[in-house]
Amino acid sequence: MVAGRERFRWRRRGAASREAAFLDGVVDAQLEFISQLPMHRREEFAEALAVLVMLAQDHRYRRQGWISRRELRHRAGRAIAALDVLLQAPGAAAAVRRLTE
């Protein structure tokens, strides 16, 4: 039984690490693009990237076992809701859509 628990911990760590690395890659790829924008347009992107950075950190917390799978799902849902709110702001929809392309 203990060996089975260890296997699930290993899977949790691997999946959470891959998901955090993916989100980090998305953020890193967009940073150069943001630096080329005029200052008044950067805020919209920065907010969306901040949501993704926090979600990547939540995946790291899951990998460490500090939060449950349920809590990670809850936090991911809040991140998606925050991105949806950003999409509703005037002018922000194009900025957030650029992050997902």
Protein backbone atom coordinates (compact mmCIF):
# COMPACT_ATOMS: atom_id res chain seq x y z
CA MET A 1 0.00 0.00 0.00
CA VAL A 2 2.83 2.40 0.78
CA ALA A 3 4.43 1.77 -2.60
CA GLY A 4 1.14 2.76 -4.28
CA ARG A 5 1.06 6.04 -2.38
CA GLU A 6 4.63 6.80 -3.42
CA ARG A 7 3.75 6.18 -7.06
CA PHE A 8 0.88 8.66 -6.88
CA ARG A 9 3.10 11.24 -5.20
CA TRP A 10 5.62 10.80 -8.00
CA ARG A 11 2.91 11.27 -10.62
CA ARG A 12 1.58 14.33 -8.83
CA ARG A 13 5.03 15.87 -8.73
CA GLY A 14 5.72 15.10 -12.37
CA ALA A 15 2.43 16.45 -13.69
CA ALA A 16 2.52 19.54 -11.51
CA SER A 17 6.12 20.23 -12.53
CA ARG A 18 5.29 19.93 -16.23
CA GLU A 19 2.26 22.19 -15.91
CA ALA A 20 4.22 24.81 -13.96
CA ALA A 21 7.03 24.69 -16.54
CA PHE A 22 4.51 25.10 -19.36
CA LEU A 23 2.96 28.16 -17.72
CA ASP A 24 6.42 29.59 -17.07
CA GLY A 25 7.22 29.10 -20.76
CA VAL A 26 4.06 30.94 -21.80
CA VAL A 27 4.93 33.86 -19.53
CA ASP A 28 8.56 33.97 -20.68
CA ALA A 29 7.54 33.92 -24.33
CA GLN A 30 5.25 36.91 -23.84
CA LEU A 31 7.64 39.10 -21.84
CA GLU A 32 9.58 40.24 -24.91
CA PHE A 33 6.33 41.06 -26.68
CA ILE A 34 5.14 43.14 -23.72
CA SER A 35 8.38 45.11 -23.61
CA GLN A 36 7.71 46.25 -27.18
CA LEU A 37 4.28 47.66 -26.35
CA PRO A 38 3.61 51.29 -25.45
CA MET A 39 3.45 51.82 -21.70
CA HIS A 40 -0.33 52.40 -21.67
CA ARG A 41 -0.94 48.94 -23.22
CA ARG A 42 1.41 46.95 -20.98
CA GLU A 43 -0.87 46.91 -17.95
CA GLU A 44 -3.48 44.68 -19.60
CA PHE A 45 -0.86 42.10 -20.53
CA ALA A 46 0.89 42.34 -17.19
CA GLU A 47 -2.31 41.52 -15.32
CA ALA A 48 -2.96 38.46 -17.48
CA LEU A 49 0.63 37.29 -17.08
CA ALA A 50 0.43 37.80 -13.31
CA VAL A 51 -2.57 35.44 -13.21
CA LEU A 52 -0.55 32.82 -15.10
CA VAL A 53 2.46 33.28 -12.82
CA MET A 54 0.27 32.74 -9.75
CA LEU A 55 -1.25 29.64 -11.33
CA ALA A 56 2.22 28.24 -12.04
CA GLN A 57 3.10 28.85 -8.39
CA ASP A 58 -0.05 27.01 -7.33
CA HIS A 59 1.11 24.01 -9.38
CA ARG A 60 4.42 24.13 -7.53
CA TYR A 61 2.53 24.17 -4.23
CA ARG A 62 0.66 21.08 -5.38
CA ARG A 63 3.94 19.39 -6.32
CA GLN A 64 5.24 20.04 -2.81
CA GLY A 65 2.05 18.62 -1.33
CA TRP A 66 1.16 21.94 0.31
CA ILE A 67 -2.27 22.10 -1.36
CA SER A 68 -4.69 19.38 -2.41
CA ARG A 69 -5.78 18.52 -5.92
CA ARG A 70 -9.17 20.00 -5.07
CA GLU A 71 -7.57 23.28 -3.98
CA LEU A 72 -5.51 23.39 -7.17
CA ARG A 73 -8.68 22.94 -9.24
CA HIS A 74 -10.33 25.71 -7.24
CA ARG A 75 -7.39 28.05 -7.82
CA ALA A 76 -7.28 27.19 -11.53
CA GLY A 77 -10.98 28.03 -11.77
CA ARG A 78 -10.34 31.39 -10.11
CA ALA A 79 -7.49 32.05 -12.56
CA ILE A 80 -9.75 31.32 -15.51
CA ALA A 81 -12.43 33.58 -14.05
CA ALA A 82 -9.85 36.36 -13.61
CA LEU A 83 -8.77 35.99 -17.25
CA ASP A 84 -12.42 36.11 -18.30
CA VAL A 85 -12.84 39.39 -16.39
CA LEU A 86 -9.80 40.78 -18.19
CA LEU A 87 -11.39 39.79 -21.49
CA GLN A 88 -14.43 41.88 -20.64
CA ALA A 89 -12.39 45.08 -20.12
CA PRO A 90 -12.34 47.43 -23.12
CA GLY A 91 -9.21 46.89 -25.18
CA ALA A 92 -8.05 43.99 -23.04
CA ALA A 93 -9.68 41.24 -25.09
CA ALA A 94 -7.08 41.49 -27.84
CA ALA A 95 -4.29 41.53 -25.26
CA VAL A 96 -5.47 38.38 -23.50
CA ARG A 97 -6.23 36.62 -26.78
CA ARG A 98 -2.63 37.30 -27.83
CA LEU A 99 -1.48 35.32 -24.77
CA THR A 100 -3.43 32.26 -25.87
CA GLU A 101 -2.20 32.21 -29.47
